[in-house]
C-alpha atoms as a PDB file:
ATOM      1  CA  MET A   1     -90.274  -1.829  15.395  1.00  0.00           C
ATOM      2  CA  GLU A   2     -87.060  -3.850  14.444  1.00  0.00           C
ATOM      3  CA  ASP A   3     -87.422  -4.003  11.244  1.00  0.00           C
ATOM      4  CA  GLY A   4     -87.209  -0.317  10.814  1.00  0.00           C
ATOM      5  CA  VAL A   5     -83.555  -1.155  12.817  1.00  0.00           C
ATOM      6  CA  ASN A   6     -82.603  -3.715  10.839  1.00  0.00           C
ATOM      7  CA  MET A   7     -83.669  -1.659   7.555  1.00  0.00           C
ATOM      8  CA  LYS A   8     -80.839   1.187   9.202  1.00  0.00           C
ATOM      9  CA  ARG A   9     -78.204  -1.497  10.166  1.00  0.00           C
ATOM     10  CA  ILE A  10     -78.660  -2.852   5.916  1.00  0.00           C
ATOM     11  CA  LEU A  11     -78.024   0.936   4.458  1.00  0.00           C
ATOM     12  CA  VAL A  12     -75.520   1.830   7.168  1.00  0.00           C
ATOM     13  CA  ILE A  13     -73.378  -1.080   6.221  1.00  0.00           C
ATOM     14  CA  HIS A  14     -74.815  -0.194   2.052  1.00  0.00           C
ATOM     15  CA  THR A  15     -74.326   3.629   2.542  1.00  0.00           C
ATOM     16  CA  GLY A  16     -70.211   3.728   4.883  1.00  0.00           C
ATOM     17  CA  GLY A  17     -70.264   0.026   6.550  1.00  0.00           C
ATOM     18  CA  THR A  18     -68.925  -1.389  10.142  1.00  0.00           C
ATOM     19  CA  ILE A  19     -67.545   1.728  11.264  1.00  0.00           C
ATOM     20  CA  SER A  20     -70.905   4.135  10.450  1.00  0.00           C
ATOM     21  CA  MET A  21     -72.744   1.264  11.591  1.00  0.00           C
ATOM     22  CA  LYS A  22     -70.635   2.224  14.754  1.00  0.00           C
ATOM     23  CA  GLU A  23     -71.530   5.964  15.345  1.00  0.00           C
ATOM     24  CA  ASN A  24     -74.967   5.099  13.447  1.00  0.00           C
ATOM     25  CA  LYS A  25     -76.196   2.695  16.561  1.00  0.00           C
ATOM     26  CA  GLU A  26     -74.600   5.541  19.034  1.00  0.00           C
ATOM     27  CA  THR A  27     -75.995   9.138  17.644  1.00  0.00           C
ATOM     28  CA  GLY A  28     -79.098   7.172  16.117  1.00  0.00           C
ATOM     29  CA  GLU A  29     -78.582   8.110  12.280  1.00  0.00           C
ATOM     30  CA  VAL A  30     -76.259  10.214  11.609  1.00  0.00           C
ATOM     31  CA  ASN A  31     -73.843   8.269   9.554  1.00  0.00           C
ATOM     32  CA  THR A  32     -76.810   8.011   7.101  1.00  0.00           C
ATOM     33  CA  SER A  33     -77.212  11.858   6.704  1.00  0.00           C
ATOM     34  CA  SER A  34     -72.729  11.449   6.385  1.00  0.00           C
ATOM     35  CA  LYS A  35     -73.861  10.364   2.920  1.00  0.00           C
END
């Protein structure tokens, strides 16, 4: 299960950056849909 979270974190950094990463951790996967 940790693998999925790690993959999401990498995706967040690749799509938005640190700001998106913070939002992703709070909402779950909002920044992924942002792009």
